[in-house]
Amino acid sequence: MNMHARIELFGGPEDGREITLPVSAEGEPLSPLPVPAPRNSGEDEGVAWYERDHHRGRGMWIYRYANSRSPRQSELP
């Protein structure tokens, strides 16, 4: 069994980027997926969040841009 999945990101600041992630015991990668801002951006842009959308087969998963949150933001209302 393949313990990694290829992820293709759609939309948002990381559109078109492909990454490889470990999968869970169920064979699915983590969702939602936090993607840190690029190091060379020069700004504290926080994190872009992508959610698993669908499986393309052969270990390729498509994730769609959900929103951006600062890593310092609280999850509480």
Protein backbone atom coordinates (compact mmCIF):
# COMPACT_ATOMS: atom_id res chain seq x y z
CA MET A 1 0.00 0.00 0.00
CA ASN A 2 1.27 3.48 -0.89
CA MET A 3 1.70 5.52 2.29
CA HIS A 4 1.89 8.85 0.45
CA ALA A 5 -0.45 10.81 -1.80
CA ARG A 6 0.23 13.44 -4.42
CA ILE A 7 -1.74 16.64 -3.84
CA GLU A 8 -2.55 19.25 -6.48
CA LEU A 9 -3.70 22.64 -5.15
CA PHE A 10 -6.36 24.67 -7.00
CA GLY A 11 -7.07 28.35 -6.40
CA GLY A 12 -5.59 30.75 -3.88
CA PRO A 13 -1.95 31.70 -3.53
CA GLU A 14 -0.60 28.19 -4.20
CA ASP A 15 -2.64 27.44 -7.34
CA GLY A 16 -1.00 24.74 -9.46
CA ARG A 17 1.47 23.64 -6.76
CA GLU A 18 1.95 19.88 -6.29
CA ILE A 19 3.08 18.38 -2.99
CA THR A 20 3.38 14.88 -1.51
CA LEU A 21 1.89 14.02 1.90
CA PRO A 22 1.60 10.92 4.09
CA VAL A 23 -1.86 9.33 4.21
CA SER A 24 -3.95 8.22 7.20
CA ALA A 25 -4.76 4.62 8.07
CA GLU A 26 -7.89 5.05 5.90
CA GLY A 27 -5.69 5.88 2.90
CA GLU A 28 -6.66 9.55 2.70
CA PRO A 29 -4.49 12.64 3.19
CA LEU A 30 -5.21 15.27 5.85
CA SER A 31 -8.03 17.78 5.25
CA PRO A 32 -8.17 20.73 5.66
CA LEU A 33 -4.56 21.25 4.66
CA PRO A 34 -2.66 24.30 5.97
CA VAL A 35 -0.07 25.57 3.49
CA PRO A 36 2.38 28.11 4.98
CA ALA A 37 3.10 31.30 3.07
CA PRO A 38 6.23 31.07 0.91
CA ARG A 39 9.41 31.95 2.80
CA ASN A 40 10.54 34.35 0.08
CA SER A 41 7.32 36.39 0.24
CA GLY A 42 8.91 38.87 2.66
CA GLU A 43 5.65 39.26 4.56
CA ASP A 44 3.81 37.46 7.34
CA GLU A 45 0.95 36.29 5.14
CA GLY A 46 -0.17 33.49 7.44
CA VAL A 47 -1.46 30.21 6.12
CA ALA A 48 -3.58 29.29 3.10
CA TRP A 49 -6.11 26.53 3.82
CA TYR A 50 -7.05 23.93 1.22
CA GLU A 51 -9.75 21.27 1.56
CA ARG A 52 -9.78 17.84 -0.06
CA ASP A 53 -12.10 18.01 -3.07
CA HIS A 54 -11.79 14.72 -4.95
CA HIS A 55 -9.54 11.79 -5.80
CA ARG A 56 -8.23 11.58 -9.34
CA GLY A 57 -6.87 8.06 -9.01
CA ARG A 58 -3.31 6.72 -8.93
CA GLY A 59 -2.65 8.46 -5.62
CA MET A 60 -3.52 11.99 -6.86
CA TRP A 61 -5.85 14.14 -4.75
CA ILE A 62 -7.26 17.54 -5.70
CA TYR A 63 -7.51 20.20 -2.97
CA ARG A 64 -9.42 23.46 -3.43
CA TYR A 65 -8.57 26.76 -1.78
CA ALA A 66 -10.81 27.40 1.24
CA ASN A 67 -9.50 30.62 2.85
CA SER A 68 -6.55 32.25 4.61
CA ARG A 69 -6.04 32.60 8.34
CA SER A 70 -3.15 33.98 10.31
CA PRO A 71 -1.49 31.29 12.43
CA ARG A 72 -1.94 33.63 15.40
CA GLN A 73 -5.72 33.91 15.02
CA SER A 74 -7.79 32.17 17.64
CA GLU A 75 -10.31 29.52 16.67
CA LEU A 76 -12.66 30.82 19.36
CA PRO A 77 -15.42 33.31 18.47
